[in-house]
Amino acid sequence: MSMMTGVTRGGQEWIPAFAVDLNQTRCIGCGRCFKVCPRDVLELVEREETGDADGDDGFSDSSNMVMSLKDLLDCIGCMACARVCPKKCLAHAPQALAA
């Protein structure tokens, strides 16, 4: 199976890795990924209340805002979001070429 590839201005081949998942449990809602994304892939949304009887919702921060993947099909695979995320919330993977 062949992967989608790109070429830099210098002629180097590279394999873009596209956003596939965002771990909202780790996300602190800082917005860094949103600010660096050149496309409309991410959005800041209200965190859903999912706490247990002890009030522990499993989230690493008390912020009521969290990042969400809005439009995965608009991702260009630059991984700028992953490079600026202080909590390493985003997962990326190469994309196979369509047959």
PDB file of N, CA and C in Angstrom:
ATOM      1  N   MET A   1       0.847  -1.169   0.000  1.00  0.00           N
ATOM      2  CA  MET A   1       0.000   0.000   0.000  1.00  0.00           C
ATOM      3  C   MET A   1       0.896   1.236   0.000  1.00  0.00           C
ATOM      4  N   SER A   2       0.656   2.124  -0.918  1.00  0.00           N
ATOM      5  CA  SER A   2       1.445   3.327  -1.090  1.00  0.00           C
ATOM      6  C   SER A   2       0.866   4.480  -0.270  1.00  0.00           C
ATOM      7  N   MET A   3       1.743   5.261   0.371  1.00  0.00           N
ATOM      8  CA  MET A   3       1.307   6.395   1.186  1.00  0.00           C
ATOM      9  C   MET A   3       1.342   7.689   0.375  1.00  0.00           C
ATOM     10  N   MET A   4       0.479   8.609   0.756  1.00  0.00           N
ATOM     11  CA  MET A   4       0.470   9.926   0.155  1.00  0.00           C
ATOM     12  C   MET A   4       1.782  10.611   0.515  1.00  0.00           C
ATOM     13  N   THR A   5       2.447  11.224  -0.459  1.00  0.00           N
ATOM     14  CA  THR A   5       3.708  11.904  -0.205  1.00  0.00           C
ATOM     15  C   THR A   5       3.662  13.328  -0.742  1.00  0.00           C
ATOM     16  N   GLY A   6       4.566  14.143  -0.253  1.00  0.00           N
ATOM     17  CA  GLY A   6       4.714  15.506  -0.722  1.00  0.00           C
ATOM     18  C   GLY A   6       6.171  15.765  -1.034  1.00  0.00           C
ATOM     19  N   VAL A   7       6.438  16.948  -1.584  1.00  0.00           N
ATOM     20  CA  VAL A   7       7.800  17.337  -1.909  1.00  0.00           C
ATOM     21  C   VAL A   7       8.022  18.752  -1.397  1.00  0.00           C
ATOM     22  N   THR A   8       9.134  18.963  -0.704  1.00  0.00           N
ATOM     23  CA  THR A   8       9.461  20.305  -0.219  1.00  0.00           C
ATOM     24  C   THR A   8       9.999  21.151  -1.372  1.00  0.00           C
ATOM     25  N   ARG A   9      10.143  22.452  -1.143  1.00  0.00           N
ATOM     26  CA  ARG A   9      10.716  23.329  -2.181  1.00  0.00           C
ATOM     27  C   ARG A   9      12.128  22.910  -2.533  1.00  0.00           C
ATOM     28  N   GLY A  10      12.817  22.302  -1.599  1.00  0.00           N
ATOM     29  CA  GLY A  10      14.183  21.833  -1.842  1.00  0.00           C
ATOM     30  C   GLY A  10      14.245  20.488  -2.533  1.00  0.00           C
ATOM     31  N   GLY A  11      13.091  19.919  -2.834  1.00  0.00           N
ATOM     32  CA  GLY A  11      13.049  18.647  -3.548  1.00  0.00           C
ATOM     33  C   GLY A  11      13.041  17.418  -2.661  1.00  0.00           C
ATOM     34  N   GLN A  12      13.017  17.610  -1.349  1.00  0.00           N
ATOM     35  CA  GLN A  12      12.987  16.468  -0.422  1.00  0.00           C
ATOM     36  C   GLN A  12      11.574  15.889  -0.361  1.00  0.00           C
ATOM     37  N   GLU A  13      11.463  14.581  -0.418  1.00  0.00           N
ATOM     38  CA  GLU A  13      10.162  13.925  -0.281  1.00  0.00           C
ATOM     39  C   GLU A  13       9.830  13.792   1.199  1.00  0.00           C
ATOM     40  N   TRP A  14       8.567  13.994   1.556  1.00  0.00           N
ATOM     41  CA  TRP A  14       8.125  13.811   2.941  1.00  0.00           C
ATOM     42  C   TRP A  14       6.730  13.200   2.931  1.00  0.00           C
ATOM     43  N   ILE A  15       6.409  12.515   4.005  1.00  0.00           N
ATOM     44  CA  ILE A  15       5.097  11.870   4.144  1.00  0.00           C
ATOM     45  C   ILE A  15       4.292  12.655   5.170  1.00  0.00           C
ATOM     46  N   PRO A  16       3.232  13.348   4.735  1.00  0.00           N
ATOM     47  CA  PRO A  16       2.410  14.089   5.694  1.00  0.00           C
ATOM     48  C   PRO A  16       1.672  13.135   6.629  1.00  0.00           C
ATOM     49  N   ALA A  17       1.496  13.559   7.858  1.00  0.00           N
ATOM     50  CA  ALA A  17       0.746  12.774   8.841  1.00  0.00           C
ATOM     51  C   ALA A  17      -0.470  13.614   9.239  1.00  0.00           C
ATOM     52  N   PHE A  18      -1.633  13.099   8.984  1.00  0.00           N
ATOM     53  CA  PHE A  18      -2.884  13.823   9.185  1.00  0.00           C
ATOM     54  C   PHE A  18      -3.475  13.567  10.569  1.00  0.00           C
ATOM     55  N   ALA A  19      -4.144  14.583  11.124  1.00  0.00           N
ATOM     56  CA  ALA A  19      -4.788  14.446  12.436  1.00  0.00           C
ATOM     57  C   ALA A  19      -5.844  13.344  12.368  1.00  0.00           C
ATOM     58  N   VAL A  20      -5.795  12.440  13.341  1.00  0.00           N
ATOM     59  CA  VAL A  20      -6.768  11.348  13.399  1.00  0.00           C
ATOM     60  C   VAL A  20      -7.503  11.289  14.729  1.00  0.00           C
ATOM     61  N   ASP A  21      -6.915  11.890  15.775  1.00  0.00           N
ATOM     62  CA  ASP A  21      -7.552  11.823  17.087  1.00  0.00           C
ATOM     63  C   ASP A  21      -7.034  12.950  17.971  1.00  0.00           C
ATOM     64  N   LEU A  22      -7.872  13.350  18.923  1.00  0.00           N
ATOM     65  CA  LEU A  22      -7.498  14.357  19.910  1.00  0.00           C
ATOM     66  C   LEU A  22      -7.967  13.865  21.268  1.00  0.00           C
ATOM     67  N   ASN A  23      -7.038  13.703  22.192  1.00  0.00           N
ATOM     68  CA  ASN A  23      -7.345  13.213  23.527  1.00  0.00           C
ATOM     69  C   ASN A  23      -7.840  14.386  24.380  1.00  0.00           C
ATOM     70  N   GLN A  24      -9.148  14.527  24.515  1.00  0.00           N
ATOM     71  CA  GLN A  24      -9.727  15.646  25.258  1.00  0.00           C
ATOM     72  C   GLN A  24      -9.491  15.521  26.761  1.00  0.00           C
ATOM     73  N   THR A  25      -9.167  14.339  27.251  1.00  0.00           N
ATOM     74  CA  THR A  25      -8.875  14.153  28.669  1.00  0.00           C
ATOM     75  C   THR A  25      -7.605  14.898  29.058  1.00  0.00           C
ATOM     76  N   ARG A  26      -6.644  14.937  28.154  1.00  0.00           N
ATOM     77  CA  ARG A  26      -5.388  15.642  28.414  1.00  0.00           C
ATOM     78  C   ARG A  26      -5.464  17.129  28.086  1.00  0.00           C
ATOM     79  N   CYS A  27      -6.338  17.515  27.179  1.00  0.00           N
ATOM     80  CA  CYS A  27      -6.396  18.889  26.656  1.00  0.00           C
ATOM     81  C   CYS A  27      -6.694  19.899  27.765  1.00  0.00           C
ATOM     82  N   ILE A  28      -5.937  21.001  27.761  1.00  0.00           N
ATOM     83  CA  ILE A  28      -6.148  22.073  28.742  1.00  0.00           C
ATOM     84  C   ILE A  28      -6.846  23.279  28.120  1.00  0.00           C
ATOM     85  N   GLY A  29      -7.212  23.183  26.843  1.00  0.00           N
ATOM     86  CA  GLY A  29      -7.942  24.258  26.178  1.00  0.00           C
ATOM     87  C   GLY A  29      -7.138  25.523  25.968  1.00  0.00           C
ATOM     88  N   CYS A  30      -5.825  25.405  25.814  1.00  0.00           N
ATOM     89  CA  CYS A  30      -4.967  26.585  25.681  1.00  0.00           C
ATOM     90  C   CYS A  30      -5.114  27.285  24.332  1.00  0.00           C
ATOM     91  N   GLY A  31      -5.532  26.554  23.298  1.00  0.00           N
ATOM     92  CA  GLY A  31      -5.761  27.143  21.981  1.00  0.00           C
ATOM     93  C   GLY A  31      -4.528  27.271  21.110  1.00  0.00           C
ATOM     94  N   ARG A  32      -3.383  26.785  21.554  1.00  0.00           N
ATOM     95  CA  ARG A  32      -2.162  26.888  20.747  1.00  0.00           C
ATOM     96  C   ARG A  32      -2.313  26.175  19.405  1.00  0.00           C
ATOM     97  N   CYS A  33      -2.887  24.989  19.429  1.00  0.00           N
ATOM     98  CA  CYS A  33      -3.064  24.223  18.187  1.00  0.00           C
ATOM     99  C   CYS A  33      -3.997  24.961  17.230  1.00  0.00           C
ATOM    100  N   PHE A  34      -5.046  25.547  17.770  1.00  0.00           N
ATOM    101  CA  PHE A  34      -6.005  26.298  16.957  1.00  0.00           C
ATOM    102  C   PHE A  34      -5.323  27.482  16.270  1.00  0.00           C
ATOM    103  N   LYS A  35      -4.455  28.161  16.999  1.00  0.00           N
ATOM    104  CA  LYS A  35      -3.785  29.354  16.467  1.00  0.00           C
ATOM    105  C   LYS A  35      -2.799  29.030  15.345  1.00  0.00           C
ATOM    106  N   VAL A  36      -2.140  27.865  15.398  1.00  0.00           N
ATOM    107  CA  VAL A  36      -1.149  27.541  14.370  1.00  0.00           C
ATOM    108  C   VAL A  36      -1.721  26.765  13.190  1.00  0.00           C
ATOM    109  N   CYS A  37      -2.921  26.239  13.314  1.00  0.00           N
ATOM    110  CA  CYS A  37      -3.507  25.444  12.226  1.00  0.00           C
ATOM    111  C   CYS A  37      -3.825  26.347  11.027  1.00  0.00           C
ATOM    112  N   PRO A  38      -3.250  26.037   9.851  1.00  0.00           N
ATOM    113  CA  PRO A  38      -3.511  26.869   8.676  1.00  0.00           C
ATOM    114  C   PRO A  38      -4.867  26.581   8.015  1.00  0.00           C
ATOM    115  N   ARG A  39      -5.580  25.604   8.519  1.00  0.00           N
ATOM    116  CA  ARG A  39      -6.878  25.219   7.966  1.00  0.00           C
ATOM    117  C   ARG A  39      -7.921  25.314   9.075  1.00  0.00           C
ATOM    118  N   ASP A  40      -9.144  24.930   8.796  1.00  0.00           N
ATOM    119  CA  ASP A  40     -10.241  25.013   9.763  1.00  0.00           C
ATOM    120  C   ASP A  40     -10.508  23.633  10.372  1.00  0.00           C
ATOM    121  N   VAL A  41      -9.474  23.031  10.973  1.00  0.00           N
ATOM    122  CA  VAL A  41      -9.557  21.652  11.461  1.00  0.00           C
ATOM    123  C   VAL A  41     -10.030  21.564  12.909  1.00  0.00           C
ATOM    124  N   LEU A  42      -9.696  22.565  13.726  1.00  0.00           N
ATOM    125  CA  LEU A  42      -9.950  22.520  15.167  1.00  0.00           C
ATOM    126  C   LEU A  42     -10.939  23.587  15.612  1.00  0.00           C
ATOM    127  N   GLU A  43     -11.582  23.321  16.749  1.00  0.00           N
ATOM    128  CA  GLU A  43     -12.441  24.336  17.358  1.00  0.00           C
ATOM    129  C   GLU A  43     -12.452  24.136  18.868  1.00  0.00           C
ATOM    130  N   LEU A  44     -12.625  25.241  19.586  1.00  0.00           N
ATOM    131  CA  LEU A  44     -12.700  25.217  21.039  1.00  0.00           C
ATOM    132  C   LEU A  44     -14.165  25.048  21.432  1.00  0.00           C
ATOM    133  N   VAL A  45     -14.449  24.030  22.239  1.00  0.00           N
ATOM    134  CA  VAL A  45     -15.822  23.734  22.643  1.00  0.00           C
ATOM    135  C   VAL A  45     -15.886  23.600  24.161  1.00  0.00           C
ATOM    136  N   GLU A  46     -17.097  23.649  24.709  1.00  0.00           N
ATOM    137  CA  GLU A  46     -17.257  23.434  26.144  1.00  0.00           C
ATOM    138  C   GLU A  46     -17.020  21.982  26.475  1.00  0.00           C
ATOM    139  N   ARG A  47     -16.318  21.759  27.560  1.00  0.00           N
ATOM    140  CA  ARG A  47     -16.035  20.400  28.023  1.00  0.00           C
ATOM    141  C   ARG A  47     -17.327  19.772  28.533  1.00  0.00           C
ATOM    142  N   GLU A  48     -17.577  18.541  28.139  1.00  0.00           N
ATOM    143  CA  GLU A  48     -18.766  17.832  28.604  1.00  0.00           C
ATOM    144  C   GLU A  48     -18.554  17.349  30.028  1.00  0.00           C
ATOM    145  N   GLU A  49     -19.590  17.428  30.844  1.00  0.00           N
ATOM    146  CA  GLU A  49     -19.517  16.935  32.225  1.00  0.00           C
ATOM    147  C   GLU A  49     -19.676  15.424  32.206  1.00  0.00           C
ATOM    148  N   THR A  50     -18.615  14.722  32.626  1.00  0.00           N
ATOM    149  CA  THR A  50     -18.652  13.251  32.647  1.00  0.00           C
ATOM    150  C   THR A  50     -18.111  12.718  33.964  1.00  0.00           C
ATOM    151  N   GLY A  51     -18.247  13.480  35.013  1.00  0.00           N
ATOM    152  CA  GLY A  51     -17.660  13.105  36.304  1.00  0.00           C
ATOM    153  C   GLY A  51     -18.333  11.908  36.946  1.00  0.00           C
ATOM    154  N   ASP A  52     -17.598  11.272  37.853  1.00  0.00           N
ATOM    155  CA  ASP A  52     -18.159  10.156  38.610  1.00  0.00           C
ATOM    156  C   ASP A  52     -18.736  10.683  39.928  1.00  0.00           C
ATOM    157  N   ALA A  53     -19.112   9.807  40.821  1.00  0.00           N
ATOM    158  CA  ALA A  53     -19.741  10.200  42.084  1.00  0.00           C
ATOM    159  C   ALA A  53     -18.818  11.059  42.946  1.00  0.00           C
ATOM    160  N   ASP A  54     -17.494  10.877  42.787  1.00  0.00           N
ATOM    161  CA  ASP A  54     -16.534  11.659  43.556  1.00  0.00           C
ATOM    162  C   ASP A  54     -16.246  13.015  42.922  1.00  0.00           C
ATOM    163  N   GLY A  55     -16.839  13.278  41.759  1.00  0.00           N
ATOM    164  CA  GLY A  55     -16.596  14.529  41.064  1.00  0.00           C
ATOM    165  C   GLY A  55     -15.350  14.506  40.198  1.00  0.00           C
ATOM    166  N   ASP A  56     -14.702  13.344  40.097  1.00  0.00           N
ATOM    167  CA  ASP A  56     -13.503  13.226  39.271  1.00  0.00           C
ATOM    168  C   ASP A  56     -13.914  12.939  37.838  1.00  0.00           C
ATOM    169  N   ASP A  57     -13.660  13.897  36.950  1.00  0.00           N
ATOM    170  CA  ASP A  57     -14.039  13.712  35.555  1.00  0.00           C
ATOM    171  C   ASP A  57     -12.904  13.120  34.726  1.00  0.00           C
ATOM    172  N   GLY A  58     -11.737  12.881  35.320  1.00  0.00           N
ATOM    173  CA  GLY A  58     -10.621  12.277  34.611  1.00  0.00           C
ATOM    174  C   GLY A  58      -9.798  13.264  33.814  1.00  0.00           C
ATOM    175  N   PHE A  59     -10.204  14.524  33.776  1.00  0.00           N
ATOM    176  CA  PHE A  59      -9.493  15.516  33.002  1.00  0.00           C
ATOM    177  C   PHE A  59      -8.311  16.061  33.786  1.00  0.00           C
ATOM    178  N   SER A  60      -7.262  16.450  33.062  1.00  0.00           N
ATOM    179  CA  SER A  60      -6.035  16.904  33.706  1.00  0.00           C
ATOM    180  C   SER A  60      -6.091  18.360  34.132  1.00  0.00           C
ATOM    181  N   ASP A  61      -7.131  19.069  33.767  1.00  0.00           N
ATOM    182  CA  ASP A  61      -7.210  20.497  34.068  1.00  0.00           C
ATOM    183  C   ASP A  61      -8.641  20.837  34.425  1.00  0.00           C
ATOM    184  N   SER A  62      -8.825  21.914  35.169  1.00  0.00           N
ATOM    185  CA  SER A  62     -10.168  22.302  35.585  1.00  0.00           C
ATOM    186  C   SER A  62     -10.851  23.241  34.589  1.00  0.00           C
ATOM    187  N   SER A  63     -10.226  23.501  33.444  1.00  0.00           N
ATOM    188  CA  SER A  63     -10.796  24.386  32.434  1.00  0.00           C
ATOM    189  C   SER A  63     -12.110  23.822  31.921  1.00  0.00           C
ATOM    190  N   ASN A  64     -13.063  24.695  31.609  1.00  0.00           N
ATOM    191  CA  ASN A  64     -14.333  24.216  31.077  1.00  0.00           C
ATOM    192  C   ASN A  64     -14.334  24.227  29.550  1.00  0.00           C
ATOM    193  N   MET A  65     -13.214  24.604  28.926  1.00  0.00           N
ATOM    194  CA  MET A  65     -13.101  24.586  27.468  1.00  0.00           C
ATOM    195  C   MET A  65     -12.060  23.549  27.059  1.00  0.00           C
ATOM    196  N   VAL A  66     -12.286  22.952  25.908  1.00  0.00           N
ATOM    197  CA  VAL A  66     -11.402  21.913  25.402  1.00  0.00           C
ATOM    198  C   VAL A  66     -11.398  21.988  23.873  1.00  0.00           C
ATOM    199  N   MET A  67     -10.315  21.557  23.251  1.00  0.00           N
ATOM    200  CA  MET A  67     -10.232  21.564  21.801  1.00  0.00           C
ATOM    201  C   MET A  67     -10.942  20.340  21.253  1.00  0.00           C
ATOM    202  N   SER A  68     -11.475  20.492  20.047  1.00  0.00           N
ATOM    203  CA  SER A  68     -12.186  19.404  19.382  1.00  0.00           C
ATOM    204  C   SER A  68     -11.786  19.388  17.904  1.00  0.00           C
ATOM    205  N   LEU A  69     -11.823  18.211  17.291  1.00  0.00           N
ATOM    206  CA  LEU A  69     -11.562  18.107  15.862  1.00  0.00           C
ATOM    207  C   LEU A  69     -12.843  18.473  15.121  1.00  0.00           C
ATOM    208  N   LYS A  70     -12.791  19.536  14.359  1.00  0.00           N
ATOM    209  CA  LYS A  70     -13.968  20.059  13.662  1.00  0.00           C
ATOM    210  C   LYS A  70     -14.104  19.468  12.260  1.00  0.00           C
ATOM    211  N   ASP A  71     -13.007  19.459  11.483  1.00  0.00           N
ATOM    212  CA  ASP A  71     -13.067  19.005  10.096  1.00  0.00           C
ATOM    213  C   ASP A  71     -11.772  18.295   9.718  1.00  0.00           C
ATOM    214  N   LEU A  72     -11.716  16.997   9.980  1.00  0.00           N
ATOM    215  CA  LEU A  72     -10.514  16.215   9.683  1.00  0.00           C
ATOM    216  C   LEU A  72     -10.162  16.208   8.206  1.00  0.00           C
ATOM    217  N   LEU A  73     -11.151  16.323   7.345  1.00  0.00           N
ATOM    218  CA  LEU A  73     -10.887  16.281   5.910  1.00  0.00           C
ATOM    219  C   LEU A  73     -10.171  17.533   5.414  1.00  0.00           C
ATOM    220  N   ASP A  74     -10.098  18.573   6.229  1.00  0.00           N
ATOM    221  CA  ASP A  74      -9.407  19.802   5.848  1.00  0.00           C
ATOM    222  C   ASP A  74      -7.942  19.799   6.296  1.00  0.00           C
ATOM    223  N   CYS A  75      -7.530  18.782   7.051  1.00  0.00           N
ATOM    224  CA  CYS A  75      -6.154  18.685   7.547  1.00  0.00           C
ATOM    225  C   CYS A  75      -5.200  18.461   6.367  1.00  0.00           C
ATOM    226  N   ILE A  76      -4.067  19.211   6.354  1.00  0.00           N
ATOM    227  CA  ILE A  76      -3.083  19.066   5.282  1.00  0.00           C
ATOM    228  C   ILE A  76      -1.865  18.255   5.720  1.00  0.00           C
ATOM    229  N   GLY A  77      -1.864  17.774   6.958  1.00  0.00           N
ATOM    230  CA  GLY A  77      -0.796  16.897   7.431  1.00  0.00           C
ATOM    231  C   GLY A  77       0.493  17.594   7.824  1.00  0.00           C
ATOM    232  N   CYS A  78       0.442  18.869   8.156  1.00  0.00           N
ATOM    233  CA  CYS A  78       1.661  19.611   8.500  1.00  0.00           C
ATOM    234  C   CYS A  78       2.130  19.338   9.927  1.00  0.00           C
ATOM    235  N   MET A  79       1.251  18.881  10.784  1.00  0.00           N
ATOM    236  CA  MET A  79       1.523  18.550  12.189  1.00  0.00           C
ATOM    237  C   MET A  79       1.944  19.745  13.041  1.00  0.00           C
ATOM    238  N   ALA A  80       1.639  20.962  12.597  1.00  0.00           N
ATOM    239  CA  ALA A  80       1.955  22.150  13.387  1.00  0.00           C
ATOM    240  C   ALA A  80       1.251  22.082  14.738  1.00  0.00           C
ATOM    241  N   CYS A  81       0.032  21.571  14.759  1.00  0.00           N
ATOM    242  CA  CYS A  81      -0.739  21.471  15.996  1.00  0.00           C
ATOM    243  C   CYS A  81      -0.040  20.583  17.019  1.00  0.00           C
ATOM    244  N   ALA A  82       0.486  19.463  16.575  1.00  0.00           N
ATOM    245  CA  ALA A  82       1.160  18.533  17.476  1.00  0.00           C
ATOM    246  C   ALA A  82       2.457  19.120  18.027  1.00  0.00           C
ATOM    247  N   ARG A  83       3.141  19.915  17.227  1.00  0.00           N
ATOM    248  CA  ARG A  83       4.410  20.496  17.667  1.00  0.00           C
ATOM    249  C   ARG A  83       4.226  21.534  18.767  1.00  0.00           C
ATOM    250  N   VAL A  84       3.080  22.219  18.797  1.00  0.00           N
ATOM    251  CA  VAL A  84       2.885  23.261  19.810  1.00  0.00           C
ATOM    252  C   VAL A  84       2.073  22.799  21.014  1.00  0.00           C
ATOM    253  N   CYS A  85       1.498  21.620  20.960  1.00  0.00           N
ATOM    254  CA  CYS A  85       0.651  21.137  22.054  1.00  0.00           C
ATOM    255  C   CYS A  85       1.501  20.753  23.268  1.00  0.00           C
ATOM    256  N   PRO A  86       1.314  21.443  24.400  1.00  0.00           N
ATOM    257  CA  PRO A  86       2.124  21.135  25.585  1.00  0.00           C
ATOM    258  C   PRO A  86       1.738  19.813  26.254  1.00  0.00           C
ATOM    259  N   LYS A  87       0.569  19.284  25.957  1.00  0.00           N
ATOM    260  CA  LYS A  87       0.094  18.053  26.589  1.00  0.00           C
ATOM    261  C   LYS A  87       0.096  16.850  25.650  1.00  0.00           C
ATOM    262  N   LYS A  88       0.571  17.054  24.418  1.00  0.00           N
ATOM    263  CA  LYS A  88       0.653  15.961  23.427  1.00  0.00           C
ATOM    264  C   LYS A  88      -0.702  15.266  23.241  1.00  0.00           C
ATOM    265  N   CYS A  89      -1.731  16.060  22.970  1.00  0.00           N
ATOM    266  CA  CYS A  89      -3.100  15.557  22.858  1.00  0.00           C
ATOM    267  C   CYS A  89      -3.448  14.979  21.489  1.00  0.00           C
ATOM    268  N   LEU A  90      -2.720  15.396  20.458  1.00  0.00           N
ATOM    269  CA  LEU A  90      -3.103  15.039  19.096  1.00  0.00           C
ATOM    270  C   LEU A  90      -2.364  13.822  18.575  1.00  0.00           C
ATOM    271  N   ALA A  91      -3.080  12.981  17.843  1.00  0.00           N
ATOM    272  CA  ALA A  91      -2.491  11.811  17.187  1.00  0.00           C
ATOM    273  C   ALA A  91      -2.597  12.016  15.683  1.00  0.00           C
ATOM    274  N   HIS A  92      -1.539  11.642  14.963  1.00  0.00           N
ATOM    275  CA  HIS A  92      -1.489  11.793  13.519  1.00  0.00           C
ATOM    276  C   HIS A  92      -1.074  10.481  12.873  1.00  0.00           C
ATOM    277  N   ALA A  93      -1.448  10.299  11.602  1.00  0.00           N
ATOM    278  CA  ALA A  93      -1.071   9.095  10.863  1.00  0.00           C
ATOM    279  C   ALA A  93      -0.995   9.435   9.382  1.00  0.00           C
ATOM    280  N   PRO A  94      -0.105   8.746   8.656  1.00  0.00           N
ATOM    281  CA  PRO A  94      -0.041   8.934   7.202  1.00  0.00           C
ATOM    282  C   PRO A  94      -1.324   8.414   6.556  1.00  0.00           C
ATOM    283  N   GLN A  95      -1.580   8.878   5.369  1.00  0.00           N
ATOM    284  CA  GLN A  95      -2.803   8.494   4.643  1.00  0.00           C
ATOM    285  C   GLN A  95      -2.414   7.657   3.424  1.00  0.00           C
ATOM    286  N   ALA A  96      -3.071   6.524   3.244  1.00  0.00           N
ATOM    287  CA  ALA A  96      -2.834   5.699   2.068  1.00  0.00           C
ATOM    288  C   ALA A  96      -3.456   6.360   0.848  1.00  0.00           C
ATOM    289  N   LEU A  97      -2.811   6.170  -0.306  1.00  0.00           N
ATOM    290  CA  LEU A  97      -3.366   6.699  -1.554  1.00  0.00           C
ATOM    291  C   LEU A  97      -4.633   5.944  -1.920  1.00  0.00           C
ATOM    292  N   ALA A  98      -5.611   6.670  -2.407  1.00  0.00           N
ATOM    293  CA  ALA A  98      -6.860   6.040  -2.834  1.00  0.00           C
ATOM    294  C   ALA A  98      -6.607   5.215  -4.090  1.00  0.00           C
ATOM    295  N   ALA A  99      -7.269   4.104  -4.187  1.00  0.00           N
ATOM    296  CA  ALA A  99      -7.089   3.210  -5.339  1.00  0.00           C
ATOM    297  C   ALA A  99      -7.742   3.745  -6.572  1.00  0.00           C
TER     298      ALA A  99
END
